[in-house]
Amino acid sequence: MITTIHGMLTCRWAARRIQRYLDSDPAAPLDPAELSRLEAHLAACARCSGRAEQYRALSRALAQWSDQHRPDPQLVARAHERAECVIAEEPA
């Protein structure tokens, strides 16, 4: 029973760090001890490594989708113009 509880706590700990690990988020980096612990956990835990693979697949799908769906340049230009007006506190 203790092993199961410990395993659940480790999975819970890992779940809160997987996305930061995969994104290499400079705003929330993992310290070397966390990085080492997470990589060891992912190597040993099928559930968490599966979750990490799902995040990777989602990231690939979003990147592919965004490559195929570029924003309308005119809409982007209008948004920039409006933002400049708001920043300058000028009426549109």
N, C-alpha and C. Protein backbone atom coordinates (compact mmCIF):
# COMPACT_ATOMS: atom_id res chain seq x y z
N MET A 1 0.82 -1.19 0.00
CA MET A 1 0.00 0.00 0.00
C MET A 1 0.86 1.26 0.00
N ILE A 2 1.94 1.28 0.75
CA ILE A 2 2.82 2.44 0.79
C ILE A 2 3.42 2.71 -0.58
N THR A 3 3.82 1.66 -1.29
CA THR A 3 4.38 1.84 -2.62
C THR A 3 3.37 2.50 -3.54
N THR A 4 2.11 2.08 -3.48
CA THR A 4 1.07 2.66 -4.31
C THR A 4 0.87 4.13 -3.98
N ILE A 5 0.80 4.46 -2.71
CA ILE A 5 0.63 5.86 -2.30
C ILE A 5 1.85 6.66 -2.75
N HIS A 6 3.03 6.13 -2.53
CA HIS A 6 4.25 6.83 -2.97
C HIS A 6 4.24 7.01 -4.48
N GLY A 7 3.83 5.96 -5.20
CA GLY A 7 3.76 6.06 -6.66
C GLY A 7 2.77 7.11 -7.11
N MET A 8 1.62 7.19 -6.45
CA MET A 8 0.63 8.20 -6.80
C MET A 8 1.17 9.60 -6.53
N LEU A 9 1.87 9.77 -5.42
CA LEU A 9 2.44 11.07 -5.10
C LEU A 9 3.51 11.45 -6.12
N THR A 10 4.31 10.47 -6.54
CA THR A 10 5.34 10.74 -7.55
C THR A 10 4.69 11.10 -8.88
N CYS A 11 3.64 10.39 -9.27
CA CYS A 11 2.94 10.72 -10.51
C CYS A 11 2.30 12.10 -10.42
N ARG A 12 1.74 12.41 -9.30
CA ARG A 12 1.14 13.74 -9.11
C ARG A 12 2.22 14.82 -9.21
N TRP A 13 3.35 14.58 -8.58
CA TRP A 13 4.49 15.51 -8.64
C TRP A 13 4.93 15.67 -10.09
N ALA A 14 5.07 14.56 -10.81
CA ALA A 14 5.52 14.59 -12.20
C ALA A 14 4.52 15.30 -13.10
N ALA A 15 3.23 15.06 -12.89
CA ALA A 15 2.19 15.65 -13.73
C ALA A 15 2.27 17.17 -13.72
N ARG A 16 2.65 17.73 -12.58
CA ARG A 16 2.74 19.19 -12.48
C ARG A 16 3.99 19.74 -13.17
N ARG A 17 4.89 18.87 -13.60
CA ARG A 17 6.15 19.33 -14.19
C ARG A 17 6.36 18.90 -15.65
N ILE A 18 5.57 17.96 -16.13
CA ILE A 18 5.79 17.42 -17.48
C ILE A 18 5.73 18.52 -18.54
N GLN A 19 4.71 19.37 -18.50
CA GLN A 19 4.57 20.39 -19.53
C GLN A 19 5.73 21.37 -19.49
N ARG A 20 6.14 21.77 -18.29
CA ARG A 20 7.30 22.67 -18.18
C ARG A 20 8.55 22.00 -18.75
N TYR A 21 8.69 20.74 -18.50
CA TYR A 21 9.84 19.97 -19.00
C TYR A 21 9.84 19.93 -20.53
N LEU A 22 8.68 19.63 -21.11
CA LEU A 22 8.60 19.51 -22.56
C LEU A 22 8.74 20.86 -23.26
N ASP A 23 8.23 21.91 -22.63
CA ASP A 23 8.30 23.25 -23.23
C ASP A 23 9.63 23.93 -22.98
N SER A 24 10.41 23.41 -22.05
CA SER A 24 11.65 24.09 -21.63
C SER A 24 11.34 25.54 -21.31
N ASP A 25 10.29 25.75 -20.54
CA ASP A 25 9.79 27.07 -20.21
C ASP A 25 10.83 27.88 -19.44
N PRO A 26 11.39 28.94 -20.05
CA PRO A 26 12.41 29.73 -19.35
C PRO A 26 11.84 30.50 -18.16
N ALA A 27 10.52 30.71 -18.13
CA ALA A 27 9.91 31.41 -17.01
C ALA A 27 9.73 30.49 -15.79
N ALA A 28 9.77 29.19 -16.01
CA ALA A 28 9.58 28.23 -14.92
C ALA A 28 10.48 27.02 -15.13
N PRO A 29 11.79 27.23 -15.14
CA PRO A 29 12.69 26.10 -15.41
C PRO A 29 12.71 25.10 -14.25
N LEU A 30 12.96 23.86 -14.60
CA LEU A 30 13.16 22.84 -13.58
C LEU A 30 14.60 22.92 -13.12
N ASP A 31 14.80 22.80 -11.83
CA ASP A 31 16.20 22.79 -11.36
C ASP A 31 16.79 21.41 -11.68
N PRO A 32 18.11 21.29 -11.63
CA PRO A 32 18.75 20.01 -12.02
C PRO A 32 18.23 18.80 -11.26
N ALA A 33 17.94 18.96 -9.97
CA ALA A 33 17.41 17.83 -9.19
C ALA A 33 16.02 17.43 -9.67
N GLU A 34 15.16 18.41 -9.95
CA GLU A 34 13.82 18.11 -10.47
C GLU A 34 13.91 17.46 -11.84
N LEU A 35 14.78 17.98 -12.68
CA LEU A 35 14.96 17.44 -14.02
C LEU A 35 15.38 15.98 -13.96
N SER A 36 16.34 15.69 -13.13
CA SER A 36 16.83 14.32 -12.98
C SER A 36 15.73 13.40 -12.44
N ARG A 37 15.00 13.88 -11.43
CA ARG A 37 13.93 13.07 -10.83
C ARG A 37 12.82 12.82 -11.84
N LEU A 38 12.45 13.85 -12.61
CA LEU A 38 11.38 13.69 -13.58
C LEU A 38 11.78 12.73 -14.69
N GLU A 39 12.99 12.87 -15.21
CA GLU A 39 13.44 11.97 -16.27
C GLU A 39 13.50 10.52 -15.79
N ALA A 40 13.92 10.31 -14.56
CA ALA A 40 13.94 8.95 -14.01
C ALA A 40 12.52 8.42 -13.87
N HIS A 41 11.60 9.28 -13.42
CA HIS A 41 10.21 8.85 -13.28
C HIS A 41 9.60 8.52 -14.64
N LEU A 42 9.84 9.37 -15.64
CA LEU A 42 9.29 9.11 -16.97
C LEU A 42 9.84 7.81 -17.57
N ALA A 43 11.08 7.49 -17.26
CA ALA A 43 11.68 6.25 -17.75
C ALA A 43 11.05 5.02 -17.11
N ALA A 44 10.52 5.18 -15.89
CA ALA A 44 9.99 4.04 -15.14
C ALA A 44 8.47 3.94 -15.13
N CYS A 45 7.78 5.02 -15.45
CA CYS A 45 6.32 5.05 -15.30
C CYS A 45 5.65 5.15 -16.66
N ALA A 46 4.97 4.10 -17.04
CA ALA A 46 4.28 4.06 -18.34
C ALA A 46 3.17 5.10 -18.40
N ARG A 47 2.47 5.30 -17.30
CA ARG A 47 1.37 6.26 -17.28
C ARG A 47 1.86 7.68 -17.56
N CYS A 48 2.90 8.09 -16.86
CA CYS A 48 3.41 9.45 -17.03
C CYS A 48 4.15 9.62 -18.36
N SER A 49 4.88 8.60 -18.79
CA SER A 49 5.55 8.72 -20.09
C SER A 49 4.50 8.76 -21.20
N GLY A 50 3.39 8.07 -21.02
CA GLY A 50 2.29 8.14 -21.98
C GLY A 50 1.68 9.54 -22.02
N ARG A 51 1.54 10.14 -20.85
CA ARG A 51 1.03 11.51 -20.78
C ARG A 51 1.99 12.46 -21.49
N ALA A 52 3.29 12.28 -21.28
CA ALA A 52 4.28 13.13 -21.95
C ALA A 52 4.18 12.95 -23.46
N GLU A 53 3.99 11.73 -23.93
CA GLU A 53 3.86 11.49 -25.36
C GLU A 53 2.59 12.13 -25.92
N GLN A 54 1.52 12.13 -25.14
CA GLN A 54 0.29 12.80 -25.58
C GLN A 54 0.54 14.30 -25.74
N TYR A 55 1.25 14.90 -24.81
CA TYR A 55 1.59 16.33 -24.92
C TYR A 55 2.44 16.58 -26.16
N ARG A 56 3.40 15.69 -26.41
CA ARG A 56 4.26 15.85 -27.59
C ARG A 56 3.42 15.76 -28.87
N ALA A 57 2.50 14.80 -28.92
CA ALA A 57 1.64 14.63 -30.10
C ALA A 57 0.75 15.85 -30.30
N LEU A 58 0.21 16.38 -29.22
CA LEU A 58 -0.62 17.58 -29.31
C LEU A 58 0.21 18.76 -29.81
N SER A 59 1.41 18.90 -29.30
CA SER A 59 2.29 19.99 -29.74
C SER A 59 2.59 19.87 -31.23
N ARG A 60 2.88 18.65 -31.70
CA ARG A 60 3.14 18.45 -33.13
C ARG A 60 1.91 18.79 -33.96
N ALA A 61 0.73 18.36 -33.50
CA ALA A 61 -0.51 18.63 -34.24
C ALA A 61 -0.80 20.13 -34.29
N LEU A 62 -0.60 20.83 -33.20
CA LEU A 62 -0.82 22.27 -33.20
C LEU A 62 0.17 22.99 -34.10
N ALA A 63 1.41 22.56 -34.09
CA ALA A 63 2.41 23.18 -34.96
C ALA A 63 2.06 22.95 -36.43
N GLN A 64 1.64 21.74 -36.75
CA GLN A 64 1.25 21.42 -38.12
C GLN A 64 0.02 22.25 -38.52
N TRP A 65 -0.96 22.35 -37.65
CA TRP A 65 -2.16 23.12 -37.94
C TRP A 65 -1.81 24.59 -38.16
N SER A 66 -0.97 25.15 -37.28
CA SER A 66 -0.63 26.57 -37.43
C SER A 66 0.17 26.83 -38.69
N ASP A 67 0.95 25.86 -39.14
CA ASP A 67 1.67 26.01 -40.41
C ASP A 67 0.70 26.08 -41.59
N GLN A 68 -0.43 25.41 -41.46
CA GLN A 68 -1.41 25.36 -42.55
C GLN A 68 -2.43 26.49 -42.48
N HIS A 69 -2.56 27.15 -41.34
CA HIS A 69 -3.58 28.17 -41.13
C HIS A 69 -2.93 29.48 -40.69
N ARG A 70 -2.42 30.19 -41.64
CA ARG A 70 -1.78 31.47 -41.35
C ARG A 70 -2.85 32.56 -41.17
N PRO A 71 -2.61 33.52 -40.29
CA PRO A 71 -3.59 34.59 -40.10
C PRO A 71 -3.65 35.50 -41.32
N ASP A 72 -4.80 36.11 -41.51
CA ASP A 72 -5.01 37.05 -42.60
C ASP A 72 -4.14 38.29 -42.36
N PRO A 73 -3.22 38.61 -43.28
CA PRO A 73 -2.32 39.76 -43.09
C PRO A 73 -3.05 41.08 -42.88
N GLN A 74 -4.18 41.27 -43.56
CA GLN A 74 -4.94 42.51 -43.39
C GLN A 74 -5.55 42.60 -41.99
N LEU A 75 -6.02 41.48 -41.48
CA LEU A 75 -6.57 41.46 -40.13
C LEU A 75 -5.48 41.75 -39.10
N VAL A 76 -4.31 41.18 -39.31
CA VAL A 76 -3.18 41.43 -38.41
C VAL A 76 -2.80 42.91 -38.44
N ALA A 77 -2.76 43.50 -39.63
CA ALA A 77 -2.42 44.92 -39.75
C ALA A 77 -3.44 45.79 -39.04
N ARG A 78 -4.74 45.47 -39.19
CA ARG A 78 -5.78 46.24 -38.51
C ARG A 78 -5.66 46.10 -37.00
N ALA A 79 -5.35 44.91 -36.53
CA ALA A 79 -5.18 44.70 -35.09
C ALA A 79 -4.00 45.51 -34.56
N HIS A 80 -2.91 45.56 -35.32
CA HIS A 80 -1.75 46.37 -34.91
C HIS A 80 -2.11 47.85 -34.87
N GLU A 81 -2.83 48.32 -35.88
CA GLU A 81 -3.24 49.72 -35.91
C GLU A 81 -4.12 50.05 -34.72
N ARG A 82 -5.06 49.18 -34.42
CA ARG A 82 -5.97 49.41 -33.28
C ARG A 82 -5.19 49.40 -31.97
N ALA A 83 -4.26 48.48 -31.84
CA ALA A 83 -3.44 48.41 -30.62
C ALA A 83 -2.62 49.69 -30.45
N GLU A 84 -2.09 50.20 -31.55
CA GLU A 84 -1.32 51.45 -31.48
C GLU A 84 -2.20 52.60 -31.04
N CYS A 85 -3.45 52.65 -31.52
CA CYS A 85 -4.39 53.69 -31.09
C CYS A 85 -4.69 53.59 -29.60
N VAL A 86 -4.91 52.39 -29.14
CA VAL A 86 -5.22 52.17 -27.72
C VAL A 86 -4.01 52.59 -26.88
N ILE A 87 -2.83 52.20 -27.30
CA ILE A 87 -1.62 52.54 -26.56
C ILE A 87 -1.41 54.06 -26.53
N ALA A 88 -1.68 54.70 -27.64
CA ALA A 88 -1.52 56.14 -27.72
C ALA A 88 -2.72 56.88 -27.14
N GLU A 89 -3.74 56.16 -26.73
CA GLU A 89 -4.99 56.71 -26.17
C GLU A 89 -5.65 57.67 -27.15
N GLU A 90 -5.64 57.28 -28.41
CA GLU A 90 -6.30 58.06 -29.45
C GLU A 90 -7.60 57.37 -29.82
N PRO A 91 -8.62 58.13 -30.14
CA PRO A 91 -9.84 57.50 -30.61
C PRO A 91 -9.61 56.84 -31.98
N ALA A 92 -10.27 55.74 -32.18
CA ALA A 92 -10.10 55.01 -33.45
C ALA A 92 -10.87 55.66 -34.57
